Amino acid sequence: MVTSAVMAGSLALPTAQSLAGQWQVADSERQCQIEFLANEQSETNGYQLVDRQRCLQSVFAAEVVGWRPAGTASPCC
């Protein structure tokens, strides 16, 4: 008798270190150049975000104070 078992798997979530770097966020009117850093910020339960153009405040309704990879446990920023 031959049997086999298949284990369920899930995709690996990217780490903050692998996502750190230059990014672009855009809406229908503008594009923002931002930088994700892998420096943890305990006060935001996330990582440092640099918005040198101060552009994100015009794209998002709420203030953006940090970032974190998708799939983490609680809301960020």
N, C-alpha and C. Protein backbone atom coordinates (compact mmCIF):
# COMPACT_ATOMS: atom_id res chain seq x y z
N MET A 1 0.84 -1.17 0.00
CA MET A 1 0.00 0.00 0.00
C MET A 1 0.89 1.24 0.00
N VAL A 2 0.59 2.15 -0.88
CA VAL A 2 1.35 3.39 -0.99
C VAL A 2 0.45 4.53 -0.55
N THR A 3 0.94 5.33 0.37
CA THR A 3 0.18 6.51 0.81
C THR A 3 1.07 7.74 0.72
N SER A 4 0.45 8.83 0.64
CA SER A 4 1.22 10.08 0.64
C SER A 4 0.47 11.12 1.45
N ALA A 5 1.21 12.05 1.95
CA ALA A 5 0.61 13.14 2.73
C ALA A 5 1.02 14.46 2.08
N VAL A 6 0.09 15.35 2.04
CA VAL A 6 0.37 16.67 1.51
C VAL A 6 0.17 17.68 2.63
N MET A 7 1.17 18.47 2.85
CA MET A 7 1.09 19.49 3.89
C MET A 7 0.60 20.79 3.25
N ALA A 8 -0.28 21.45 3.94
CA ALA A 8 -0.74 22.76 3.47
C ALA A 8 0.37 23.77 3.70
N GLY A 9 0.51 24.67 2.82
CA GLY A 9 1.54 25.70 2.97
C GLY A 9 0.96 27.07 2.71
N SER A 10 1.71 28.04 3.03
CA SER A 10 1.28 29.41 2.75
C SER A 10 2.48 30.18 2.21
N LEU A 11 2.18 31.24 1.54
CA LEU A 11 3.25 32.07 1.00
C LEU A 11 3.99 32.76 2.13
N ALA A 12 5.27 32.89 1.96
CA ALA A 12 6.07 33.60 2.95
C ALA A 12 5.80 35.09 2.83
N LEU A 13 5.57 35.74 3.94
CA LEU A 13 5.35 37.18 3.94
C LEU A 13 6.70 37.89 3.89
N PRO A 14 6.80 38.96 3.12
CA PRO A 14 8.08 39.67 3.04
C PRO A 14 8.41 40.34 4.37
N THR A 15 9.69 40.47 4.63
CA THR A 15 10.15 41.14 5.84
C THR A 15 10.29 42.64 5.58
N ALA A 16 10.37 43.40 6.66
CA ALA A 16 10.58 44.84 6.53
C ALA A 16 11.91 45.11 5.82
N GLN A 17 12.91 44.32 6.11
CA GLN A 17 14.22 44.51 5.49
C GLN A 17 14.16 44.29 3.98
N SER A 18 13.35 43.34 3.54
CA SER A 18 13.28 43.08 2.10
C SER A 18 12.44 44.13 1.36
N LEU A 19 11.57 44.85 2.07
CA LEU A 19 10.73 45.87 1.45
C LEU A 19 11.30 47.28 1.60
N ALA A 20 12.31 47.44 2.44
CA ALA A 20 12.90 48.76 2.67
C ALA A 20 13.47 49.31 1.37
N GLY A 21 13.31 50.61 1.19
CA GLY A 21 13.85 51.26 -0.01
C GLY A 21 12.90 52.32 -0.54
N GLN A 22 13.16 52.75 -1.75
CA GLN A 22 12.38 53.80 -2.40
C GLN A 22 11.10 53.21 -2.98
N TRP A 23 9.97 53.88 -2.73
CA TRP A 23 8.66 53.46 -3.24
C TRP A 23 7.94 54.66 -3.80
N GLN A 24 6.91 54.38 -4.56
CA GLN A 24 6.08 55.44 -5.14
C GLN A 24 4.62 55.13 -4.82
N VAL A 25 3.92 56.13 -4.29
CA VAL A 25 2.49 56.01 -4.00
C VAL A 25 1.79 57.03 -4.90
N ALA A 26 0.71 56.60 -5.54
CA ALA A 26 0.05 57.51 -6.48
C ALA A 26 -1.46 57.42 -6.35
N ASP A 27 -2.11 58.53 -6.63
CA ASP A 27 -3.55 58.53 -6.83
C ASP A 27 -3.79 59.12 -8.21
N SER A 28 -5.00 59.47 -8.54
CA SER A 28 -5.29 59.96 -9.89
C SER A 28 -4.69 61.33 -10.18
N GLU A 29 -4.24 62.03 -9.14
CA GLU A 29 -3.74 63.39 -9.33
C GLU A 29 -2.25 63.57 -9.09
N ARG A 30 -1.62 62.72 -8.32
CA ARG A 30 -0.21 62.95 -7.96
C ARG A 30 0.52 61.65 -7.67
N GLN A 31 1.84 61.76 -7.67
CA GLN A 31 2.70 60.65 -7.29
C GLN A 31 3.62 61.11 -6.18
N CYS A 32 3.77 60.28 -5.16
CA CYS A 32 4.63 60.61 -4.03
C CYS A 32 5.82 59.65 -4.01
N GLN A 33 7.00 60.20 -3.87
CA GLN A 33 8.20 59.40 -3.69
C GLN A 33 8.41 59.26 -2.18
N ILE A 34 8.42 58.03 -1.68
CA ILE A 34 8.61 57.80 -0.25
C ILE A 34 9.71 56.77 -0.06
N GLU A 35 10.18 56.67 1.17
CA GLU A 35 11.21 55.68 1.49
C GLU A 35 10.76 54.90 2.72
N PHE A 36 10.76 53.59 2.59
CA PHE A 36 10.50 52.70 3.72
C PHE A 36 11.84 52.34 4.33
N LEU A 37 11.99 52.58 5.63
CA LEU A 37 13.19 52.19 6.36
C LEU A 37 12.85 51.00 7.24
N ALA A 38 13.83 50.19 7.56
CA ALA A 38 13.60 49.02 8.41
C ALA A 38 13.86 49.34 9.88
N ASN A 39 13.88 50.62 10.24
CA ASN A 39 14.06 51.04 11.63
C ASN A 39 12.73 50.94 12.35
N GLU A 40 12.68 50.12 13.39
CA GLU A 40 11.42 49.96 14.14
C GLU A 40 11.08 51.22 14.92
N GLN A 41 9.78 51.52 14.99
CA GLN A 41 9.25 52.63 15.78
C GLN A 41 8.23 52.05 16.75
N SER A 42 8.57 51.95 17.99
CA SER A 42 7.67 51.33 18.96
C SER A 42 6.38 52.13 19.13
N GLU A 43 6.44 53.46 18.98
CA GLU A 43 5.24 54.28 19.19
C GLU A 43 4.18 54.08 18.11
N THR A 44 4.57 53.57 16.94
CA THR A 44 3.60 53.31 15.87
C THR A 44 3.40 51.83 15.62
N ASN A 45 4.13 50.99 16.34
CA ASN A 45 4.07 49.55 16.12
C ASN A 45 4.37 49.23 14.65
N GLY A 46 5.34 49.94 14.10
CA GLY A 46 5.70 49.76 12.71
C GLY A 46 7.13 50.19 12.46
N TYR A 47 7.39 50.64 11.25
CA TYR A 47 8.72 51.03 10.82
C TYR A 47 8.70 52.46 10.32
N GLN A 48 9.89 53.06 10.27
CA GLN A 48 10.01 54.46 9.87
C GLN A 48 9.71 54.65 8.39
N LEU A 49 8.98 55.70 8.08
CA LEU A 49 8.64 56.08 6.72
C LEU A 49 9.13 57.51 6.50
N VAL A 50 9.77 57.76 5.37
CA VAL A 50 10.28 59.10 5.06
C VAL A 50 9.50 59.65 3.87
N ASP A 51 8.86 60.79 4.07
CA ASP A 51 8.10 61.47 3.02
C ASP A 51 8.67 62.88 2.89
N ARG A 52 9.80 63.00 2.20
CA ARG A 52 10.49 64.29 2.10
C ARG A 52 9.66 65.36 1.41
N GLN A 53 8.80 64.96 0.48
CA GLN A 53 7.95 65.91 -0.24
C GLN A 53 6.71 66.31 0.55
N ARG A 54 6.46 65.62 1.66
CA ARG A 54 5.23 65.82 2.45
C ARG A 54 4.01 65.67 1.55
N CYS A 55 4.06 64.65 0.75
CA CYS A 55 3.04 64.41 -0.27
C CYS A 55 1.92 63.50 0.23
N LEU A 56 2.22 62.60 1.15
CA LEU A 56 1.23 61.61 1.58
C LEU A 56 0.02 62.24 2.25
N GLN A 57 0.21 63.38 2.91
CA GLN A 57 -0.92 64.01 3.58
C GLN A 57 -2.00 64.44 2.59
N SER A 58 -1.64 64.64 1.33
CA SER A 58 -2.64 65.00 0.33
C SER A 58 -3.23 63.78 -0.38
N VAL A 59 -2.62 62.61 -0.19
CA VAL A 59 -3.12 61.38 -0.82
C VAL A 59 -4.04 60.62 0.12
N PHE A 60 -3.67 60.58 1.42
CA PHE A 60 -4.44 59.83 2.41
C PHE A 60 -5.22 60.77 3.32
N ALA A 61 -6.38 60.33 3.76
CA ALA A 61 -7.21 61.15 4.65
C ALA A 61 -6.59 61.28 6.04
N ALA A 62 -5.90 60.24 6.50
CA ALA A 62 -5.29 60.24 7.83
C ALA A 62 -3.78 60.46 7.72
N GLU A 63 -3.18 60.95 8.79
CA GLU A 63 -1.73 61.14 8.81
C GLU A 63 -1.03 59.79 8.76
N VAL A 64 -0.01 59.68 7.93
CA VAL A 64 0.78 58.46 7.83
C VAL A 64 2.03 58.65 8.67
N VAL A 65 2.20 57.80 9.69
CA VAL A 65 3.32 57.96 10.61
C VAL A 65 4.30 56.80 10.59
N GLY A 66 4.04 55.79 9.78
CA GLY A 66 4.93 54.65 9.70
C GLY A 66 4.37 53.63 8.73
N TRP A 67 5.03 52.50 8.64
CA TRP A 67 4.58 51.44 7.73
C TRP A 67 4.92 50.10 8.34
N ARG A 68 4.34 49.04 7.78
CA ARG A 68 4.74 47.68 8.13
C ARG A 68 4.27 46.74 7.03
N PRO A 69 4.96 45.63 6.89
CA PRO A 69 4.59 44.67 5.84
C PRO A 69 3.16 44.16 6.05
N ALA A 70 2.47 43.87 4.98
CA ALA A 70 1.11 43.31 5.05
C ALA A 70 1.16 41.97 5.78
N GLY A 71 0.07 41.64 6.43
CA GLY A 71 -0.02 40.36 7.12
C GLY A 71 0.40 40.41 8.57
N THR A 72 0.78 41.59 9.08
CA THR A 72 1.12 41.68 10.49
C THR A 72 -0.15 41.78 11.31
N ALA A 73 -0.03 41.55 12.57
CA ALA A 73 -1.18 41.31 13.43
C ALA A 73 -2.16 42.46 13.61
N SER A 74 -1.68 43.67 13.80
CA SER A 74 -2.60 44.74 14.14
C SER A 74 -2.40 45.94 13.21
N PRO A 75 -3.39 46.82 13.14
CA PRO A 75 -3.29 47.97 12.25
C PRO A 75 -2.11 48.87 12.61
N CYS A 76 -1.58 49.45 11.62
CA CYS A 76 -0.46 50.37 11.82
C CYS A 76 -0.88 51.76 11.43
N CYS A 77 -0.32 52.65 11.85
CA CYS A 77 -0.16 54.00 11.40
C CYS A 77 -1.42 54.72 11.02
